[in-house]
């Protein structure tokens, strides 16, 4: 797919005391999606928020809610996140034994289905579920905490996922350590959705958010255009 680079700020780095306002601010600052990192303290070593918090901010914007479930098991909660207003629901391939069933459930709930792979998980695990996918999320850090350093080996993994996808209309999303310096590396490899937390929310004002979003998008778009040339 030849799409513009989509920027999905992770509200994990937002000011939680004014979460609704932060969601409005990032969209007004130029973000495309709102990325929602859901963590359970079991699958990953952190706890964030659940469907009720997502539902409480859903009315703040019509933008895509991109929900990344770092929970295990996930299947029992898929309906709750769909009801909360998530547009994309992404589960980890490592979080349960029946990935195909989980993706079917998400699609049957009327939502777009995604799968996430940890840095050490090979891309071959998605080979037999490609036709159930709308998105592949590649972790470029180990999930659980924001602010980690980008893992370079995932760049080549991104290229391999792009080759697996072929002409299917599936987004490739990158999550972890995304900055104006790392964005071009994954964009040139085939990624079209970039999640960034601290790189966007540092500064604490809408004007700074806009500058940070623009810098990441510009760096990624330049790399994609050079690759296509």
C-alpha atoms as a PDB file:
ATOM      1  CA  UNK A   1       0.000   0.000   0.000  1.00  0.00           C
ATOM      2  CA  UNK A   2       1.154   3.503  -0.802  1.00  0.00           C
ATOM      3  CA  UNK A   3      -0.216   5.538   2.081  1.00  0.00           C
ATOM      4  CA  UNK A   4       1.013   8.576   3.925  1.00  0.00           C
ATOM      5  CA  UNK A   5       2.689   7.877   7.236  1.00  0.00           C
ATOM      6  CA  UNK A   6       0.126   7.808  10.035  1.00  0.00           C
ATOM      7  CA  UNK A   7       1.174   9.073  13.469  1.00  0.00           C
ATOM      8  CA  UNK A   8      -0.435   7.443  16.510  1.00  0.00           C
ATOM      9  CA  UNK A   9       0.637   9.102  19.780  1.00  0.00           C
ATOM     10  CA  UNK A  10       0.572   6.742  22.745  1.00  0.00           C
ATOM     11  CA  UNK A  11      -1.421   8.282  25.575  1.00  0.00           C
ATOM     12  CA  UNK A  12       0.710   6.237  27.966  1.00  0.00           C
ATOM     13  CA  UNK A  13       2.959   9.322  27.966  1.00  0.00           C
ATOM     14  CA  UNK A  14       0.110  11.820  28.365  1.00  0.00           C
ATOM     15  CA  UNK A  15      -0.880  13.682  31.512  1.00  0.00           C
ATOM     16  CA  UNK A  16      -3.471  11.286  32.963  1.00  0.00           C
ATOM     17  CA  UNK A  17      -4.978  14.027  35.140  1.00  0.00           C
ATOM     18  CA  UNK A  18      -6.281  15.649  31.946  1.00  0.00           C
ATOM     19  CA  UNK A  19      -6.453  12.677  29.599  1.00  0.00           C
ATOM     20  CA  UNK A  20      -9.493  13.844  27.648  1.00  0.00           C
ATOM     21  CA  UNK A  21      -7.898  17.205  26.927  1.00  0.00           C
ATOM     22  CA  UNK A  22      -4.637  15.522  25.923  1.00  0.00           C
ATOM     23  CA  UNK A  23      -6.503  13.378  23.374  1.00  0.00           C
ATOM     24  CA  UNK A  24      -8.111  16.488  21.896  1.00  0.00           C
ATOM     25  CA  UNK A  25      -4.770  18.301  21.851  1.00  0.00           C
ATOM     26  CA  UNK A  26      -2.854  15.606  19.954  1.00  0.00           C
ATOM     27  CA  UNK A  27      -5.534  15.334  17.282  1.00  0.00           C
ATOM     28  CA  UNK A  28      -5.644  19.122  16.878  1.00  0.00           C
ATOM     29  CA  UNK A  29      -1.823  18.999  16.702  1.00  0.00           C
ATOM     30  CA  UNK A  30      -1.975  16.730  13.653  1.00  0.00           C
ATOM     31  CA  UNK A  31      -2.058  13.156  14.954  1.00  0.00           C
ATOM     32  CA  UNK A  32      -3.994  10.615  12.891  1.00  0.00           C
ATOM     33  CA  UNK A  33      -4.805   7.914  15.455  1.00  0.00           C
ATOM     34  CA  UNK A  34      -4.909   7.667  19.257  1.00  0.00           C
ATOM     35  CA  UNK A  35      -2.824   4.732  20.484  1.00  0.00           C
ATOM     36  CA  UNK A  36      -4.075   3.069  23.663  1.00  0.00           C
ATOM     37  CA  UNK A  37      -1.598   0.821  25.487  1.00  0.00           C
ATOM     38  CA  UNK A  38      -3.538  -1.552  27.749  1.00  0.00           C
ATOM     39  CA  UNK A  39      -1.328  -3.442  30.232  1.00  0.00           C
ATOM     40  CA  UNK A  40      -2.342  -5.951  32.876  1.00  0.00           C
ATOM     41  CA  UNK A  41       0.674  -6.394  35.166  1.00  0.00           C
ATOM     42  CA  UNK A  42       0.755 -10.056  34.093  1.00  0.00           C
ATOM     43  CA  UNK A  43       1.654 -10.278  30.420  1.00  0.00           C
ATOM     44  CA  UNK A  44       3.798  -7.164  30.871  1.00  0.00           C
ATOM     45  CA  UNK A  45       5.284  -5.683  34.069  1.00  0.00           C
ATOM     46  CA  UNK A  46       3.017  -2.653  34.257  1.00  0.00           C
ATOM     47  CA  UNK A  47      -0.670  -1.764  34.717  1.00  0.00           C
ATOM     48  CA  UNK A  48      -2.289   1.068  32.780  1.00  0.00           C
ATOM     49  CA  UNK A  49      -6.052   1.327  32.135  1.00  0.00           C
ATOM     50  CA  UNK A  50      -9.018  -0.652  30.930  1.00  0.00           C
ATOM     51  CA  UNK A  51     -12.137  -0.290  28.782  1.00  0.00           C
ATOM     52  CA  UNK A  52     -13.941   2.099  31.136  1.00  0.00           C
ATOM     53  CA  UNK A  53     -11.191   4.714  30.832  1.00  0.00           C
ATOM     54  CA  UNK A  54     -11.214   4.326  27.047  1.00  0.00           C
ATOM     55  CA  UNK A  55     -14.990   4.674  26.976  1.00  0.00           C
ATOM     56  CA  UNK A  56     -14.767   7.852  29.063  1.00  0.00           C
ATOM     57  CA  UNK A  57     -12.563   9.587  26.448  1.00  0.00           C
ATOM     58  CA  UNK A  58     -14.165   8.146  23.321  1.00  0.00           C
ATOM     59  CA  UNK A  59     -16.436  11.169  22.971  1.00  0.00           C
ATOM     60  CA  UNK A  60     -13.496  13.583  22.847  1.00  0.00           C
ATOM     61  CA  UNK A  61     -12.630  12.809  19.199  1.00  0.00           C
ATOM     62  CA  UNK A  62     -13.826  10.977  16.114  1.00  0.00           C
ATOM     63  CA  UNK A  63     -10.243   9.877  15.376  1.00  0.00           C
ATOM     64  CA  UNK A  64      -9.309   6.208  15.174  1.00  0.00           C
ATOM     65  CA  UNK A  65      -8.801   4.548  18.557  1.00  0.00           C
ATOM     66  CA  UNK A  66      -5.928   2.088  18.104  1.00  0.00           C
ATOM     67  CA  UNK A  67      -6.061  -0.315  21.060  1.00  0.00           C
ATOM     68  CA  UNK A  68      -2.967  -2.410  21.805  1.00  0.00           C
ATOM     69  CA  UNK A  69      -3.825  -5.151  24.280  1.00  0.00           C
ATOM     70  CA  UNK A  70      -0.777  -6.250  26.258  1.00  0.00           C
ATOM     71  CA  UNK A  71      -2.878  -8.611  28.336  1.00  0.00           C
ATOM     72  CA  UNK A  72      -3.221 -12.374  28.707  1.00  0.00           C
ATOM     73  CA  UNK A  73      -5.664 -13.881  28.226  1.00  0.00           C
ATOM     74  CA  UNK A  74      -7.233 -11.349  25.867  1.00  0.00           C
ATOM     75  CA  UNK A  75     -10.277 -13.116  24.412  1.00  0.00           C
ATOM     76  CA  UNK A  76     -12.532 -12.604  27.426  1.00  0.00           C
ATOM     77  CA  UNK A  77     -12.110  -8.821  27.187  1.00  0.00           C
ATOM     78  CA  UNK A  78     -12.385  -8.229  23.437  1.00  0.00           C
ATOM     79  CA  UNK A  79     -16.093  -7.400  23.535  1.00  0.00           C
ATOM     80  CA  UNK A  80     -15.533  -4.851  26.314  1.00  0.00           C
ATOM     81  CA  UNK A  81     -12.900  -3.012  24.305  1.00  0.00           C
ATOM     82  CA  UNK A  82     -15.079  -3.091  21.203  1.00  0.00           C
ATOM     83  CA  UNK A  83     -17.946  -1.661  23.258  1.00  0.00           C
ATOM     84  CA  UNK A  84     -15.627   1.044  24.611  1.00  0.00           C
ATOM     85  CA  UNK A  85     -15.188   2.355  21.072  1.00  0.00           C
ATOM     86  CA  UNK A  86     -11.868   0.920  19.912  1.00  0.00           C
ATOM     87  CA  UNK A  87     -11.568   0.830  16.115  1.00  0.00           C
ATOM     88  CA  UNK A  88      -8.488  -1.393  15.898  1.00  0.00           C
ATOM     89  CA  UNK A  89      -7.971  -4.091  18.526  1.00  0.00           C
ATOM     90  CA  UNK A  90      -4.522  -5.668  18.529  1.00  0.00           C
ATOM     91  CA  UNK A  91      -3.616  -8.803  20.482  1.00  0.00           C
ATOM     92  CA  UNK A  92      -0.179 -10.271  21.029  1.00  0.00           C
ATOM     93  CA  UNK A  93       0.684 -13.488  19.248  1.00  0.00           C
ATOM     94  CA  UNK A  94       2.461 -14.554  22.451  1.00  0.00           C
ATOM     95  CA  UNK A  95      -0.553 -13.928  24.722  1.00  0.00           C
ATOM     96  CA  UNK A  96      -2.680 -16.952  23.893  1.00  0.00           C
ATOM     97  CA  UNK A  97      -2.739 -20.311  22.116  1.00  0.00           C
ATOM     98  CA  UNK A  98      -5.516 -19.517  19.616  1.00  0.00           C
ATOM     99  CA  UNK A  99      -4.496 -16.459  17.614  1.00  0.00           C
ATOM    100  CA  UNK A 100      -6.781 -17.285  14.700  1.00  0.00           C
ATOM    101  CA  UNK A 101      -9.785 -17.487  17.041  1.00  0.00           C
ATOM    102  CA  UNK A 102      -8.914 -14.160  18.665  1.00  0.00           C
ATOM    103  CA  UNK A 103      -8.691 -12.421  15.299  1.00  0.00           C
ATOM    104  CA  UNK A 104     -11.982 -13.962  14.177  1.00  0.00           C
ATOM    105  CA  UNK A 105     -13.620 -12.683  17.361  1.00  0.00           C
ATOM    106  CA  UNK A 106     -12.367  -9.138  16.782  1.00  0.00           C
ATOM    107  CA  UNK A 107     -13.631  -9.149  13.201  1.00  0.00           C
ATOM    108  CA  UNK A 108     -16.993 -10.584  14.301  1.00  0.00           C
ATOM    109  CA  UNK A 109     -17.306  -7.678  16.756  1.00  0.00           C
ATOM    110  CA  UNK A 110     -17.114  -5.330  13.792  1.00  0.00           C
ATOM    111  CA  UNK A 111     -13.612  -4.078  14.597  1.00  0.00           C
ATOM    112  CA  UNK A 112     -10.341  -4.184  12.686  1.00  0.00           C
ATOM    113  CA  UNK A 113      -7.979  -6.927  13.848  1.00  0.00           C
ATOM    114  CA  UNK A 114      -4.298  -6.553  14.630  1.00  0.00           C
ATOM    115  CA  UNK A 115      -1.528  -8.794  15.870  1.00  0.00           C
ATOM    116  CA  UNK A 116       1.557  -7.635  17.757  1.00  0.00           C
ATOM    117  CA  UNK A 117       4.938  -9.355  17.853  1.00  0.00           C
ATOM    118  CA  UNK A 118       7.528  -8.879  20.574  1.00  0.00           C
ATOM    119  CA  UNK A 119      11.110  -8.210  19.407  1.00  0.00           C
ATOM    120  CA  UNK A 120      12.183 -11.851  19.764  1.00  0.00           C
ATOM    121  CA  UNK A 121       9.078 -13.342  18.121  1.00  0.00           C
ATOM    122  CA  UNK A 122       9.632 -14.391  14.488  1.00  0.00           C
ATOM    123  CA  UNK A 123       7.330 -12.988  11.850  1.00  0.00           C
ATOM    124  CA  UNK A 124       6.505 -16.507  10.617  1.00  0.00           C
ATOM    125  CA  UNK A 125       3.854 -16.861  13.359  1.00  0.00           C
ATOM    126  CA  UNK A 126       1.491 -14.655  11.335  1.00  0.00           C
ATOM    127  CA  UNK A 127       1.904 -16.521   8.041  1.00  0.00           C
ATOM    128  CA  UNK A 128      -1.348 -18.470   8.361  1.00  0.00           C
ATOM    129  CA  UNK A 129      -3.511 -15.615   9.695  1.00  0.00           C
ATOM    130  CA  UNK A 130      -2.632 -12.894   7.185  1.00  0.00           C
ATOM    131  CA  UNK A 131      -6.079 -12.931   5.632  1.00  0.00           C
ATOM    132  CA  UNK A 132      -7.647 -12.161   9.024  1.00  0.00           C
ATOM    133  CA  UNK A 133      -5.433  -9.119   9.656  1.00  0.00           C
ATOM    134  CA  UNK A 134      -5.843  -5.392   9.200  1.00  0.00           C
ATOM    135  CA  UNK A 135      -2.653  -4.475  11.052  1.00  0.00           C
ATOM    136  CA  UNK A 136       0.667  -5.952  12.181  1.00  0.00           C
ATOM    137  CA  UNK A 137       2.271  -4.157  15.127  1.00  0.00           C
ATOM    138  CA  UNK A 138       5.998  -4.747  15.549  1.00  0.00           C
ATOM    139  CA  UNK A 139       7.468  -3.963  18.935  1.00  0.00           C
ATOM    140  CA  UNK A 140      10.814  -2.202  18.674  1.00  0.00           C
ATOM    141  CA  UNK A 141      11.192  -2.317  22.464  1.00  0.00           C
ATOM    142  CA  UNK A 142      10.167  -4.931  25.001  1.00  0.00           C
ATOM    143  CA  UNK A 143       6.569  -4.128  25.979  1.00  0.00           C
ATOM    144  CA  UNK A 144       5.699  -2.785  29.402  1.00  0.00           C
ATOM    145  CA  UNK A 145       7.241   0.650  29.768  1.00  0.00           C
ATOM    146  CA  UNK A 146       7.662   3.823  27.742  1.00  0.00           C
ATOM    147  CA  UNK A 147      10.968   5.552  27.069  1.00  0.00           C
ATOM    148  CA  UNK A 148      13.000   2.466  26.111  1.00  0.00           C
ATOM    149  CA  UNK A 149      15.723   2.419  23.461  1.00  0.00           C
ATOM    150  CA  UNK A 150      14.857   1.322  19.925  1.00  0.00           C
ATOM    151  CA  UNK A 151      15.956  -2.244  18.992  1.00  0.00           C
ATOM    152  CA  UNK A 152      17.570  -2.023  15.518  1.00  0.00           C
ATOM    153  CA  UNK A 153      17.133  -5.685  14.561  1.00  0.00           C
ATOM    154  CA  UNK A 154      13.406  -5.066  14.054  1.00  0.00           C
ATOM    155  CA  UNK A 155      14.176  -2.974  10.956  1.00  0.00           C
ATOM    156  CA  UNK A 156      14.991  -6.090   8.941  1.00  0.00           C
ATOM    157  CA  UNK A 157      12.015  -7.844  10.523  1.00  0.00           C
ATOM    158  CA  UNK A 158       9.822  -5.034   9.191  1.00  0.00           C
ATOM    159  CA  UNK A 159      11.091  -5.735   5.672  1.00  0.00           C
ATOM    160  CA  UNK A 160      10.285  -9.414   6.055  1.00  0.00           C
ATOM    161  CA  UNK A 161       6.762  -8.652   7.292  1.00  0.00           C
ATOM    162  CA  UNK A 162       6.269  -6.300   4.334  1.00  0.00           C
ATOM    163  CA  UNK A 163       7.260  -9.131   1.989  1.00  0.00           C
ATOM    164  CA  UNK A 164       4.859 -11.533   3.741  1.00  0.00           C
ATOM    165  CA  UNK A 165       1.972  -9.096   3.414  1.00  0.00           C
ATOM    166  CA  UNK A 166       2.493  -8.511  -0.280  1.00  0.00           C
ATOM    167  CA  UNK A 167      -0.442  -6.641  -1.793  1.00  0.00           C
ATOM    168  CA  UNK A 168      -2.830  -7.224   1.119  1.00  0.00           C
ATOM    169  CA  UNK A 169      -4.275  -4.003   2.631  1.00  0.00           C
ATOM    170  CA  UNK A 170      -2.575  -4.489   5.999  1.00  0.00           C
ATOM    171  CA  UNK A 171      -0.960  -1.689   7.993  1.00  0.00           C
ATOM    172  CA  UNK A 172       2.514  -2.203   9.465  1.00  0.00           C
ATOM    173  CA  UNK A 173       2.772  -0.333  12.752  1.00  0.00           C
ATOM    174  CA  UNK A 174       5.924   0.306  14.783  1.00  0.00           C
ATOM    175  CA  UNK A 175       5.804   0.797  18.546  1.00  0.00           C
ATOM    176  CA  UNK A 176       8.789   1.683  20.693  1.00  0.00           C
ATOM    177  CA  UNK A 177      11.616   4.204  20.568  1.00  0.00           C
ATOM    178  CA  UNK A 178      10.165   6.074  17.575  1.00  0.00           C
ATOM    179  CA  UNK A 179      11.840   9.458  17.046  1.00  0.00           C
ATOM    180  CA  UNK A 180      12.709  11.592  14.006  1.00  0.00           C
ATOM    181  CA  UNK A 181      15.969   9.606  13.909  1.00  0.00           C
ATOM    182  CA  UNK A 182      14.454   6.100  13.975  1.00  0.00           C
ATOM    183  CA  UNK A 183      11.258   6.802  12.024  1.00  0.00           C
ATOM    184  CA  UNK A 184      13.008   6.874   8.613  1.00  0.00           C
ATOM    185  CA  UNK A 185      14.588   3.470   9.242  1.00  0.00           C
ATOM    186  CA  UNK A 186      11.294   1.640   9.730  1.00  0.00           C
ATOM    187  CA  UNK A 187       9.401   3.742   7.184  1.00  0.00           C
ATOM    188  CA  UNK A 188      11.880   2.801   4.469  1.00  0.00           C
ATOM    189  CA  UNK A 189      11.464  -0.848   5.508  1.00  0.00           C
ATOM    190  CA  UNK A 190       7.698  -0.704   4.953  1.00  0.00           C
ATOM    191  CA  UNK A 191       6.020   0.676   8.083  1.00  0.00           C
ATOM    192  CA  UNK A 192       3.163   3.125   7.554  1.00  0.00           C
ATOM    193  CA  UNK A 193       1.911   3.701  11.132  1.00  0.00           C
ATOM    194  CA  UNK A 194       4.247   5.007  13.829  1.00  0.00           C
ATOM    195  CA  UNK A 195       3.478   5.007  17.540  1.00  0.00           C
ATOM    196  CA  UNK A 196       5.355   7.510  19.679  1.00  0.00           C
ATOM    197  CA  UNK A 197       4.891   8.426  23.305  1.00  0.00           C
ATOM    198  CA  UNK A 198       7.580  10.454  25.016  1.00  0.00           C
ATOM    199  CA  UNK A 199       8.888  11.757  21.670  1.00  0.00           C
ATOM    200  CA  UNK A 200       5.538  13.495  21.122  1.00  0.00           C
ATOM    201  CA  UNK A 201       4.356  14.383  24.621  1.00  0.00           C
ATOM    202  CA  UNK A 202       7.615  15.889  25.845  1.00  0.00           C
ATOM    203  CA  UNK A 203       7.096  19.605  26.163  1.00  0.00           C
ATOM    204  CA  UNK A 204       3.543  19.498  27.477  1.00  0.00           C
ATOM    205  CA  UNK A 205       1.824  21.916  25.088  1.00  0.00           C
ATOM    206  CA  UNK A 206      -0.235  21.557  21.917  1.00  0.00           C
ATOM    207  CA  UNK A 207       2.237  23.638  19.912  1.00  0.00           C
ATOM    208  CA  UNK A 208       5.123  21.394  20.947  1.00  0.00           C
ATOM    209  CA  UNK A 209       3.052  18.277  20.199  1.00  0.00           C
ATOM    210  CA  UNK A 210       2.416  19.640  16.703  1.00  0.00           C
ATOM    211  CA  UNK A 211       6.118  20.254  16.114  1.00  0.00           C
ATOM    212  CA  UNK A 212       7.045  16.782  17.388  1.00  0.00           C
ATOM    213  CA  UNK A 213       4.390  15.051  15.255  1.00  0.00           C
ATOM    214  CA  UNK A 214       5.435  17.010  12.170  1.00  0.00           C
ATOM    215  CA  UNK A 215       9.111  16.151  12.678  1.00  0.00           C
ATOM    216  CA  UNK A 216       8.429  12.412  12.923  1.00  0.00           C
ATOM    217  CA  UNK A 217       6.060  12.428   9.945  1.00  0.00           C
ATOM    218  CA  UNK A 218       8.419  14.465   7.775  1.00  0.00           C
ATOM    219  CA  UNK A 219      11.358  12.179   8.512  1.00  0.00           C
ATOM    220  CA  UNK A 220       9.302   9.057   7.766  1.00  0.00           C
ATOM    221  CA  UNK A 221       7.675  10.432   4.611  1.00  0.00           C
ATOM    222  CA  UNK A 222      11.035  11.536   3.218  1.00  0.00           C
ATOM    223  CA  UNK A 223      12.424   8.043   3.715  1.00  0.00           C
ATOM    224  CA  UNK A 224       9.411   6.399   2.093  1.00  0.00           C
ATOM    225  CA  UNK A 225       9.572   8.713  -0.909  1.00  0.00           C
ATOM    226  CA  UNK A 226      13.303   8.064  -1.358  1.00  0.00           C
ATOM    227  CA  UNK A 227      12.645   4.332  -1.182  1.00  0.00           C
ATOM    228  CA  UNK A 228       9.949   4.605  -3.845  1.00  0.00           C
ATOM    229  CA  UNK A 229      12.073   6.766  -6.163  1.00  0.00           C
END
